[in-house]
Amino acid sequence: MNIYYEQVRNLTISPELCEEYISLCKRFASYKDKNEAKEILGVNVEAHHILPKSFKMGGEKDKTNITYLPMVEHRLAHKLLKDMFEGKLRRDMAFGYSRIIHRHGVKDVIPLDEYSDLRSEVGKLIGDNNRIKNKTKEHRATMSRVKKGTRWINNGQTEAMIGPNDLIPEGWVDGRLVCSIRGRIWINNGTVNKMIPMTEKIPSGWSSGMFKTSKKL
């Protein structure tokens, strides 16, 4: 008996969906590798971890924890996984399902209410990760450096922090990238602000960031 099926059964909150999921995985678990599955099935297949590797419960490199699913079945497997768990595990699976449907280019065929629910779960996962990040030593060290007078610099595409007495490297300027929306950044010539693609060279006489005018009282 495959131990990973049992681990999934022990974690699920929906035995019915779990058995549907396990049945789906078993249908494609007999192939020795992706090439064999693709040749026999005549369609593109993707490797799928029966016990999701994002759970970090083992089996990440164990071949008995891998089944080779056609793309349609792979999306179905992740949809089932999303609804088989609760809490952090559900949010992890929502993120995985979201990545699958975007990678397969099928976002527009997902019902709107289902997609809205998916985005909500992914948003919760991002919130979880941000709260964890805020507690890390690296984040605390960064905040400590900010309080000690370090400052932000940028080269139009990347931000970095330097000490209060450090020299600004060639090609860099003071300040943060104020805005980076859909691959665009703000630039200014001292009086005018405008946005350009991040891949476009900053014109002579212009610098990255927004020019902030001082209001006269």
Protein backbone atom coordinates (compact mmCIF):
# COMPACT_ATOMS: atom_id res chain seq x y z
CA MET A 1 0.00 0.00 0.00
CA ASN A 2 1.29 3.47 -0.94
CA ILE A 3 2.00 5.36 2.29
CA TYR A 4 1.34 8.71 0.63
CA TYR A 5 -2.29 7.86 -0.06
CA GLU A 6 -2.69 7.14 3.64
CA GLN A 7 -1.02 10.39 4.64
CA VAL A 8 -3.41 12.32 2.43
CA ARG A 9 -6.37 10.43 3.95
CA ASN A 10 -5.18 11.33 7.45
CA LEU A 11 -5.00 15.03 6.59
CA THR A 12 -8.18 15.58 4.60
CA ILE A 13 -11.43 17.08 5.90
CA SER A 14 -13.40 15.58 3.00
CA PRO A 15 -13.11 11.77 2.72
CA GLU A 16 -15.31 11.73 -0.41
CA LEU A 17 -13.15 14.21 -2.32
CA CYS A 18 -10.06 12.46 -1.02
CA GLU A 19 -11.14 9.10 -2.47
CA GLU A 20 -11.93 10.79 -5.79
CA TYR A 21 -8.46 12.32 -5.74
CA ILE A 22 -6.73 9.05 -4.86
CA SER A 23 -8.65 7.20 -7.58
CA LEU A 24 -7.50 9.83 -10.09
CA CYS A 25 -3.86 9.47 -9.03
CA LYS A 26 -3.97 5.67 -9.15
CA ARG A 27 -5.23 5.69 -12.74
CA PHE A 28 -1.91 7.15 -13.90
CA ALA A 29 0.50 5.80 -11.29
CA SER A 30 1.73 2.74 -13.17
CA TYR A 31 4.00 4.56 -15.62
CA LYS A 32 7.70 4.45 -14.81
CA ASP A 33 8.40 7.98 -16.05
CA LYS A 34 6.96 10.94 -17.94
CA ASN A 35 8.18 9.72 -21.36
CA GLU A 36 6.44 6.38 -21.01
CA ALA A 37 3.21 8.01 -19.86
CA LYS A 38 3.30 10.48 -22.74
CA GLU A 39 3.98 7.76 -25.32
CA ILE A 40 1.22 5.45 -24.10
CA LEU A 41 -1.41 8.13 -23.46
CA GLY A 42 -0.57 10.15 -26.57
CA VAL A 43 -0.86 13.49 -24.73
CA ASN A 44 1.42 15.78 -22.75
CA VAL A 45 1.70 14.78 -19.11
CA GLU A 46 3.04 16.46 -15.97
CA ALA A 47 4.58 14.99 -12.84
CA HIS A 48 2.32 15.34 -9.82
CA HIS A 49 3.14 14.72 -6.16
CA ILE A 50 0.40 12.66 -4.51
CA LEU A 51 1.29 14.11 -1.11
CA PRO A 52 1.97 17.73 -2.09
CA LYS A 53 5.60 18.68 -1.67
CA SER A 54 4.56 22.10 -0.35
CA PHE A 55 3.33 20.30 2.79
CA LYS A 56 7.00 19.47 3.54
CA MET A 57 6.04 16.15 5.07
CA GLY A 58 8.46 14.03 3.06
CA GLY A 59 8.33 12.20 -0.25
CA GLU A 60 9.49 15.13 -2.33
CA LYS A 61 11.96 12.94 -4.26
CA ASP A 62 10.30 9.56 -3.72
CA LYS A 63 9.12 8.07 -7.04
CA THR A 64 6.25 6.32 -5.30
CA ASN A 65 4.89 9.76 -4.44
CA ILE A 66 4.74 10.78 -8.10
CA THR A 67 2.07 10.10 -10.70
CA TYR A 68 2.04 11.37 -14.29
CA LEU A 69 -1.16 13.23 -15.13
CA PRO A 70 -2.44 14.65 -18.42
CA MET A 71 -2.97 18.41 -18.16
CA VAL A 72 -6.76 18.23 -17.73
CA GLU A 73 -6.45 15.64 -14.96
CA HIS A 74 -3.63 17.63 -13.37
CA ARG A 75 -5.89 20.65 -13.03
CA LEU A 76 -8.66 18.45 -11.62
CA ALA A 77 -6.24 16.96 -9.07
CA HIS A 78 -5.28 20.41 -7.81
CA LYS A 79 -8.87 21.55 -7.73
CA LEU A 80 -9.71 18.54 -5.53
CA LEU A 81 -6.71 19.20 -3.31
CA LYS A 82 -7.84 22.79 -2.73
CA ASP A 83 -11.14 21.59 -1.28
CA MET A 84 -9.76 18.61 0.64
CA PHE A 85 -8.05 20.60 3.38
CA GLU A 86 -8.49 23.63 5.60
CA GLY A 87 -6.40 26.44 7.00
CA LYS A 88 -2.82 26.80 5.77
CA LEU A 89 -2.95 23.57 3.75
CA ARG A 90 -6.00 24.80 1.84
CA ARG A 91 -4.31 28.09 1.07
CA ASP A 92 -1.18 26.27 -0.13
CA MET A 93 -3.33 24.17 -2.47
CA ALA A 94 -5.22 27.23 -3.70
CA PHE A 95 -1.90 28.76 -4.67
CA GLY A 96 -0.88 25.56 -6.47
CA TYR A 97 -4.19 25.40 -8.34
CA SER A 98 -3.88 29.07 -9.31
CA ARG A 99 -0.41 28.46 -10.77
CA ILE A 100 -1.69 25.47 -12.75
CA ILE A 101 -4.61 27.27 -14.39
CA HIS A 102 -2.46 30.28 -15.28
CA ARG A 103 0.36 28.12 -16.63
CA HIS A 104 -2.12 26.16 -18.73
CA GLY A 105 -3.75 29.38 -19.95
CA VAL A 106 -7.27 28.37 -18.89
CA LYS A 107 -8.13 31.18 -16.48
CA ASP A 108 -10.99 32.36 -18.67
CA VAL A 109 -12.77 28.99 -18.57
CA ILE A 110 -12.88 28.90 -14.76
CA PRO A 111 -16.29 30.03 -13.36
CA LEU A 112 -16.09 33.57 -11.99
CA ASP A 113 -17.21 32.63 -8.47
CA GLU A 114 -14.65 29.83 -8.32
CA TYR A 115 -11.88 32.13 -9.53
CA SER A 116 -12.88 34.83 -7.01
CA ASP A 117 -12.73 32.28 -4.21
CA LEU A 118 -9.34 31.14 -5.46
CA ARG A 119 -7.97 34.68 -5.45
CA SER A 120 -9.26 35.17 -1.92
CA GLU A 121 -7.46 32.04 -0.69
CA VAL A 122 -4.23 33.06 -2.43
CA GLY A 123 -4.52 36.51 -0.86
CA LYS A 124 -4.79 34.92 2.58
CA LEU A 125 -1.67 32.84 1.87
CA ILE A 126 0.27 35.95 0.88
CA GLY A 127 -0.90 37.60 4.10
CA ASP A 128 0.29 34.58 6.08
CA ASN A 129 3.69 34.68 4.41
CA ASN A 130 4.06 38.41 4.97
CA ARG A 131 3.32 38.02 8.67
CA ILE A 132 5.95 35.29 8.90
CA LYS A 133 8.43 37.39 6.95
CA ASN A 134 7.96 40.30 9.31
CA LYS A 135 9.17 38.14 12.16
CA THR A 136 12.35 36.91 10.51
CA LYS A 137 15.78 37.96 11.67
CA GLU A 138 16.58 39.35 8.23
CA HIS A 139 13.57 41.65 8.28
CA ARG A 140 14.33 42.82 11.80
CA ALA A 141 17.94 43.48 10.81
CA THR A 142 16.79 45.50 7.81
CA MET A 143 14.47 47.60 9.94
CA SER A 144 17.31 48.15 12.41
CA ARG A 145 19.54 49.41 9.61
CA VAL A 146 16.83 51.81 8.45
CA LYS A 147 16.63 53.30 11.92
CA LYS A 148 20.39 53.84 11.96
CA GLY A 149 20.38 56.21 9.01
CA THR A 150 20.82 53.98 5.98
CA ARG A 151 19.20 55.16 2.78
CA TRP A 152 17.68 53.71 -0.36
CA ILE A 153 19.24 54.02 -3.81
CA ASN A 154 18.15 52.65 -7.18
CA ASN A 155 19.43 52.23 -10.72
CA GLY A 156 16.04 52.54 -12.37
CA GLN A 157 15.24 48.83 -12.03
CA THR A 158 16.63 47.62 -8.70
CA GLU A 159 16.56 49.04 -5.18
CA ALA A 160 19.32 48.69 -2.59
CA MET A 161 20.23 50.10 0.81
CA ILE A 162 23.56 51.75 1.63
CA GLY A 163 25.03 53.29 4.74
CA PRO A 164 24.69 57.00 5.50
CA ASN A 165 28.32 57.66 4.52
CA ASP A 166 28.59 55.25 1.57
CA LEU A 167 29.20 56.66 -1.90
CA ILE A 168 26.46 56.11 -4.47
CA PRO A 169 27.74 53.74 -7.21
CA GLU A 170 27.88 54.95 -10.81
CA GLY A 171 24.49 54.61 -12.51
CA TRP A 172 22.57 54.75 -9.23
CA VAL A 173 20.63 57.63 -7.65
CA ASP A 174 19.13 58.38 -4.25
CA GLY A 175 15.59 57.21 -3.48
CA ARG A 176 13.35 54.22 -3.98
CA LEU A 177 11.56 53.14 -7.12
CA VAL A 178 8.36 55.01 -6.38
CA CYS A 179 6.20 53.03 -8.73
CA SER A 180 6.57 49.84 -10.74
CA ILE A 181 3.18 49.01 -12.25
CA ARG A 182 3.02 46.39 -14.98
CA GLY A 183 6.69 46.81 -15.79
CA ARG A 184 6.74 50.64 -15.77
CA ILE A 185 8.57 53.12 -13.54
CA TRP A 186 8.35 56.84 -12.83
CA ILE A 187 11.06 59.20 -14.08
CA ASN A 188 11.41 63.00 -13.83
CA ASN A 189 13.47 65.87 -15.24
CA GLY A 190 13.15 68.07 -12.16
CA THR A 191 9.82 69.57 -13.15
CA VAL A 192 7.85 66.85 -14.94
CA ASN A 193 7.01 63.27 -13.94
CA LYS A 194 6.19 60.51 -16.42
CA MET A 195 6.19 56.70 -16.63
CA ILE A 196 8.27 54.58 -19.01
CA PRO A 197 8.77 50.80 -19.45
CA MET A 198 11.40 49.39 -17.07
CA THR A 199 13.33 48.08 -20.09
CA GLU A 200 13.55 51.54 -21.69
CA LYS A 201 16.72 53.61 -21.16
CA ILE A 202 16.24 56.70 -19.01
CA PRO A 203 16.73 59.76 -21.28
CA SER A 204 19.55 62.22 -20.72
CA GLY A 205 18.54 64.89 -18.19
CA TRP A 206 16.02 62.58 -16.51
CA SER A 207 16.34 60.44 -13.37
CA SER A 208 14.29 57.64 -11.84
CA GLY A 209 11.63 58.38 -9.24
CA MET A 210 9.02 61.10 -8.91
CA PHE A 211 9.79 64.81 -8.57
CA LYS A 212 7.94 66.18 -5.56
CA THR A 213 7.18 69.88 -5.72
CA SER A 214 7.18 71.84 -2.49
CA LYS A 215 3.98 73.74 -1.83
CA LYS A 216 4.32 77.43 -1.05
CA LEU A 217 2.41 78.59 1.97
